[in-house]
Amino acid sequence: MQTLNLSLNIGARKLVHNLNWQVDPGQCWCVIGRNGAGKSTLLRALVGLRQPDGGEVRMQGKPLSDWPLTALARERAYLPQGRNDAFGYRAIETVLAARHPYQDDRYWDAESDYQVAHASLRALDVESLAERDVRTLSGGERQRVAIAAALAQEAPLLLLDEPASALDLAHQVGVMELLARLCRTQQKSVVLVSHDLNLAHSVATHALLLMGDGGWQAGPVEEVMTAALLSDCLGYPIDIVQHGRRRIYIPAEETTHE
């Protein structure tokens, strides 16, 4: 996936200006920025749900607008930040819906669809909930079912908006490790939005910082997730503590509040 001079605005305010950026196979990108910086808006533009105010998004060198929707659905999967379950679908049905791009003229789910759906639920530790009404699940359980649906789409590119939200610590770590493993072993590309710098750094190979005024910084985490750049991006001083091989990001201690 590639963006060429991509610009996104909200009213008169620039969120992203002339973003030239490329996501390659095997890379895990974390999108970082303060509230309202345009992270979710960017993901919606990347998936094709929001028209850019300038420039374009390309998949395999071809503009998104040139892709048939079914073919595009086989290329990228999208996890939005929030959802509202109006109907009482079972968890397995929710995940099977993600198999639609592969069903062509079939009216019924094939055995292969069920196998992929169950494998995805199992990967997120929710296979035991397959027959449950999604409206009866906890927030964290429902989030893991949603991630399972994104996996079941079997797209090479995953666009995930706050995938670890509502998850307990063990499942936050588990989901992030799963995403890193998919990048490493299957050469999937992942773009995820996260407010948790430590979780992000634990799996990300690259970071895209949205500075809030249209500016941006992109590159490997070692170059971009620095104290100076993150402090500027988030509007709050950040310290980095080295603990063994791990970098730990914490708010700076000596700060006064008015």
Protein backbone atom coordinates (compact mmCIF):
# COMPACT_ATOMS: atom_id res chain seq x y z
CA MET A 1 0.00 0.00 0.00
CA GLN A 2 1.18 3.48 -0.83
CA THR A 3 -0.02 7.06 -0.36
CA LEU A 4 0.94 9.81 -2.79
CA ASN A 5 0.68 13.41 -1.54
CA LEU A 6 -2.28 12.36 0.60
CA SER A 7 -4.03 15.23 2.34
CA LEU A 8 -6.91 15.02 4.82
CA ASN A 9 -8.78 17.97 6.29
CA ILE A 10 -11.56 18.54 8.81
CA GLY A 11 -13.13 21.85 7.90
CA ALA A 12 -10.32 24.37 7.64
CA ARG A 13 -7.94 22.28 9.76
CA LYS A 14 -5.26 20.14 8.16
CA LEU A 15 -4.96 16.65 9.63
CA VAL A 16 -2.49 15.20 7.14
CA HIS A 17 -0.67 17.17 4.45
CA ASN A 18 1.15 15.61 1.49
CA LEU A 19 1.72 12.20 3.09
CA ASN A 20 4.07 10.13 0.93
CA TRP A 21 4.25 6.78 2.63
CA GLN A 22 4.61 3.11 1.81
CA VAL A 23 3.74 -0.03 3.77
CA ASP A 24 5.63 -3.12 2.61
CA PRO A 25 5.00 -6.82 3.29
CA GLY A 26 6.18 -7.93 6.73
CA GLN A 27 6.03 -4.44 8.22
CA CYS A 28 4.02 -3.51 11.30
CA TRP A 29 3.29 0.22 11.46
CA CYS A 30 1.93 1.99 14.51
CA VAL A 31 0.08 5.27 13.95
CA ILE A 32 0.56 7.63 16.89
CA GLY A 33 -0.95 11.02 17.65
CA ARG A 34 -2.98 12.93 20.18
CA ASN A 35 -6.79 12.94 20.17
CA GLY A 36 -8.18 14.55 17.04
CA ALA A 37 -4.89 14.32 15.12
CA GLY A 38 -6.54 12.28 12.34
CA LYS A 39 -5.54 8.69 13.09
CA SER A 40 -8.99 7.15 12.55
CA THR A 41 -9.64 9.47 9.60
CA LEU A 42 -6.41 8.27 8.01
CA LEU A 43 -7.39 4.61 8.41
CA ARG A 44 -10.80 5.29 6.86
CA ALA A 45 -9.06 6.92 3.89
CA LEU A 46 -6.66 3.99 3.55
CA VAL A 47 -9.52 1.51 3.49
CA GLY A 48 -11.48 3.56 0.96
CA LEU A 49 -14.30 4.77 3.22
CA ARG A 50 -13.22 8.41 3.17
CA GLN A 51 -12.28 10.43 0.11
CA PRO A 52 -8.91 12.24 0.41
CA ASP A 53 -8.86 16.02 0.18
CA GLY A 54 -5.76 15.69 -1.97
CA GLY A 55 -3.55 12.97 -3.38
CA GLU A 56 -4.47 9.30 -3.42
CA VAL A 57 -4.09 5.85 -1.87
CA ARG A 58 -2.80 3.02 -4.03
CA MET A 59 -2.89 -0.72 -3.60
CA GLN A 60 -0.32 -2.64 -5.62
CA GLY A 61 0.29 0.52 -7.64
CA LYS A 62 -3.38 0.98 -8.57
CA PRO A 63 -5.64 3.70 -7.10
CA LEU A 64 -8.28 2.40 -4.71
CA SER A 65 -11.01 3.80 -6.96
CA ASP A 66 -9.89 1.43 -9.74
CA TRP A 67 -10.37 -1.67 -7.61
CA PRO A 68 -13.63 -3.68 -7.73
CA LEU A 69 -14.95 -3.85 -4.16
CA THR A 70 -14.76 -7.64 -3.88
CA ALA A 71 -11.17 -7.69 -5.11
CA LEU A 72 -10.28 -4.85 -2.73
CA ALA A 73 -11.83 -6.76 0.18
CA ARG A 74 -9.39 -9.56 -0.51
CA GLU A 75 -6.48 -7.12 -0.23
CA ARG A 76 -7.22 -5.31 3.04
CA ALA A 77 -9.22 -5.90 6.21
CA TYR A 78 -10.38 -3.12 8.50
CA LEU A 79 -11.17 -3.06 12.20
CA PRO A 80 -12.95 0.18 13.18
CA GLN A 81 -12.68 1.65 16.64
CA GLY A 82 -16.27 1.11 17.75
CA ARG A 83 -19.24 -1.01 16.79
CA ASN A 84 -22.91 -1.36 17.63
CA ASP A 85 -24.45 -4.84 17.49
CA ALA A 86 -28.10 -4.23 16.66
CA PHE A 87 -28.87 -7.87 15.88
CA GLY A 88 -28.28 -11.09 17.77
CA TYR A 89 -25.77 -12.79 15.53
CA ARG A 90 -23.71 -15.62 16.93
CA ALA A 91 -19.97 -15.02 17.14
CA ILE A 92 -19.32 -17.63 14.44
CA GLU A 93 -21.77 -15.86 12.10
CA THR A 94 -20.02 -12.54 12.72
CA VAL A 95 -16.70 -14.05 11.68
CA LEU A 96 -18.18 -15.95 8.72
CA ALA A 97 -19.46 -12.65 7.32
CA ALA A 98 -15.82 -11.75 6.65
CA ARG A 99 -15.61 -14.68 4.21
CA HIS A 100 -18.01 -13.00 1.76
CA PRO A 101 -15.26 -11.80 -0.63
CA TYR A 102 -14.37 -15.45 -1.34
CA GLN A 103 -17.86 -16.84 -1.86
CA ASP A 104 -18.55 -15.60 -5.40
CA ASP A 105 -22.05 -16.83 -6.31
CA ARG A 106 -22.42 -19.26 -3.42
CA TYR A 107 -25.40 -18.72 -1.13
CA TRP A 108 -24.05 -20.82 1.73
CA ASP A 109 -20.81 -20.92 3.69
CA ALA A 110 -18.52 -23.73 2.60
CA GLU A 111 -16.70 -26.06 4.94
CA SER A 112 -13.49 -24.18 4.17
CA ASP A 113 -15.14 -20.96 5.40
CA TYR A 114 -16.03 -22.62 8.69
CA GLN A 115 -12.49 -23.92 9.05
CA VAL A 116 -11.01 -20.44 8.57
CA ALA A 117 -13.57 -18.89 10.93
CA HIS A 118 -12.93 -21.40 13.71
CA ALA A 119 -9.16 -21.07 13.28
CA SER A 120 -9.48 -17.29 13.61
CA LEU A 121 -11.63 -17.55 16.74
CA ARG A 122 -9.13 -20.03 18.17
CA ALA A 123 -6.23 -17.68 17.47
CA LEU A 124 -8.00 -15.01 19.55
CA ASP A 125 -8.91 -17.44 22.35
CA VAL A 126 -12.68 -17.10 21.77
CA GLU A 127 -13.56 -20.33 19.95
CA SER A 128 -15.54 -21.42 23.01
CA LEU A 129 -17.82 -18.42 22.41
CA ALA A 130 -18.64 -19.36 18.79
CA GLU A 131 -22.32 -20.07 19.49
CA ARG A 132 -22.87 -17.11 21.81
CA ASP A 133 -24.96 -14.09 20.83
CA VAL A 134 -22.40 -11.31 20.37
CA ARG A 135 -24.65 -8.97 22.38
CA THR A 136 -24.06 -11.12 25.47
CA LEU A 137 -20.26 -10.88 25.27
CA SER A 138 -18.11 -8.61 27.38
CA GLY A 139 -16.40 -5.69 25.66
CA GLY A 140 -13.07 -7.52 25.54
CA GLU A 141 -14.64 -10.73 24.23
CA ARG A 142 -16.50 -8.81 21.53
CA GLN A 143 -13.28 -7.04 20.54
CA ARG A 144 -11.48 -10.35 20.11
CA VAL A 145 -14.34 -11.68 17.95
CA ALA A 146 -14.01 -8.54 15.80
CA ILE A 147 -10.27 -9.12 15.41
CA ALA A 148 -10.98 -12.76 14.54
CA ALA A 149 -13.29 -11.55 11.75
CA ALA A 150 -10.52 -9.33 10.38
CA LEU A 151 -8.15 -12.32 10.38
CA ALA A 152 -10.75 -14.53 8.69
CA GLN A 153 -10.83 -12.11 5.76
CA GLU A 154 -7.34 -13.45 4.95
CA ALA A 155 -6.17 -10.13 3.51
CA PRO A 156 -2.45 -9.38 3.24
CA LEU A 157 -3.01 -5.92 4.79
CA LEU A 158 -4.67 -5.38 8.20
CA LEU A 159 -5.82 -1.86 9.15
CA LEU A 160 -6.68 -1.91 12.85
CA ASP A 161 -7.99 1.02 14.90
CA GLU A 162 -7.13 0.49 18.59
CA PRO A 163 -7.18 -3.34 18.43
CA ALA A 164 -6.13 -3.71 22.08
CA SER A 165 -8.89 -1.48 23.46
CA ALA A 166 -11.10 -3.16 26.10
CA LEU A 167 -8.69 -6.10 26.40
CA ASP A 168 -7.16 -7.23 29.67
CA LEU A 169 -3.39 -7.25 30.00
CA ALA A 170 -2.88 -10.88 28.98
CA HIS A 171 -4.99 -10.50 25.85
CA GLN A 172 -3.42 -7.15 24.96
CA VAL A 173 -0.03 -8.86 24.90
CA GLY A 174 -1.47 -11.92 23.13
CA VAL A 175 -3.07 -9.89 20.35
CA MET A 176 0.07 -7.84 19.79
CA GLU A 177 2.24 -10.97 19.70
CA LEU A 178 -0.17 -12.52 17.19
CA LEU A 179 0.07 -9.48 14.91
CA ALA A 180 3.87 -9.47 15.10
CA ARG A 181 3.92 -13.19 14.30
CA LEU A 182 1.66 -12.71 11.25
CA CYS A 183 4.05 -10.06 9.92
CA ARG A 184 7.08 -12.22 10.61
CA THR A 185 5.84 -15.63 9.39
CA GLN A 186 3.19 -14.76 6.79
CA GLN A 187 4.59 -11.43 5.56
CA LYS A 188 1.32 -9.69 6.40
CA SER A 189 1.36 -5.92 6.62
CA VAL A 190 -0.24 -4.33 9.68
CA VAL A 191 -1.15 -0.70 10.30
CA LEU A 192 -2.51 -0.17 13.80
CA VAL A 193 -3.56 2.84 15.81
CA SER A 194 -2.54 2.75 19.45
CA HIS A 195 -2.32 5.18 22.34
CA ASP A 196 -0.19 2.73 24.33
CA LEU A 197 3.39 3.53 23.36
CA ASN A 198 4.79 0.49 25.15
CA LEU A 199 2.44 -1.97 23.48
CA ALA A 200 3.07 -0.33 20.13
CA HIS A 201 6.83 -0.42 20.47
CA SER A 202 6.74 -4.08 21.53
CA VAL A 203 5.54 -5.16 18.06
CA ALA A 204 5.96 -2.27 15.61
CA THR A 205 8.77 -2.23 13.09
CA HIS A 206 7.83 1.28 11.94
CA ALA A 207 5.89 4.27 13.25
CA LEU A 208 3.91 7.07 11.67
CA LEU A 209 3.49 10.14 13.87
CA LEU A 210 0.66 12.56 13.09
CA MET A 211 1.70 15.89 14.53
CA GLY A 212 -1.78 17.45 14.64
CA ASP A 213 -1.13 20.31 12.22
CA GLY A 214 -0.83 18.34 8.99
CA GLY A 215 2.80 17.43 9.64
CA TRP A 216 4.00 13.88 10.01
CA GLN A 217 7.06 11.75 10.67
CA ALA A 218 7.49 8.21 9.36
CA GLY A 219 10.21 5.59 9.59
CA PRO A 220 11.64 2.71 11.62
CA VAL A 221 10.73 2.81 15.32
CA GLU A 222 14.35 3.39 16.33
CA GLU A 223 14.38 6.63 14.34
CA VAL A 224 10.84 7.88 14.96
CA MET A 225 9.83 6.76 18.45
CA THR A 226 12.31 9.08 20.14
CA ALA A 227 11.59 11.13 23.25
CA ALA A 228 11.85 14.42 21.34
CA LEU A 229 9.58 13.46 18.47
CA LEU A 230 6.99 11.75 20.67
CA SER A 231 6.91 14.70 23.07
CA ASP A 232 6.26 17.04 20.15
CA CYS A 233 3.66 14.71 18.65
CA LEU A 234 1.71 14.09 21.86
CA GLY A 235 2.04 17.55 23.37
CA TYR A 236 3.52 16.17 26.57
CA PRO A 237 7.14 15.43 27.55
CA ILE A 238 8.03 11.75 27.26
CA ASP A 239 10.96 9.97 28.92
CA ILE A 240 12.43 6.68 27.72
CA VAL A 241 13.75 4.15 30.23
CA GLN A 242 15.91 1.28 29.06
CA HIS A 243 15.08 -1.96 30.89
CA GLY A 244 17.25 -4.78 29.57
CA ARG A 245 16.45 -4.98 25.87
CA ARG A 246 13.17 -3.14 26.32
CA ARG A 247 12.40 0.53 25.90
CA ILE A 248 9.75 1.82 28.30
CA TYR A 249 7.93 5.06 27.52
CA ILE A 250 6.69 7.09 30.49
CA PRO A 251 5.41 10.66 31.02
CA ALA A 252 8.19 12.94 32.17
CA GLU A 253 8.21 13.42 35.94
CA GLU A 254 9.08 17.08 36.27
CA THR A 255 6.09 18.75 34.68
CA THR A 256 3.89 21.43 36.15
CA HIS A 257 0.19 21.73 35.44
CA GLU A 258 -1.73 24.93 35.60
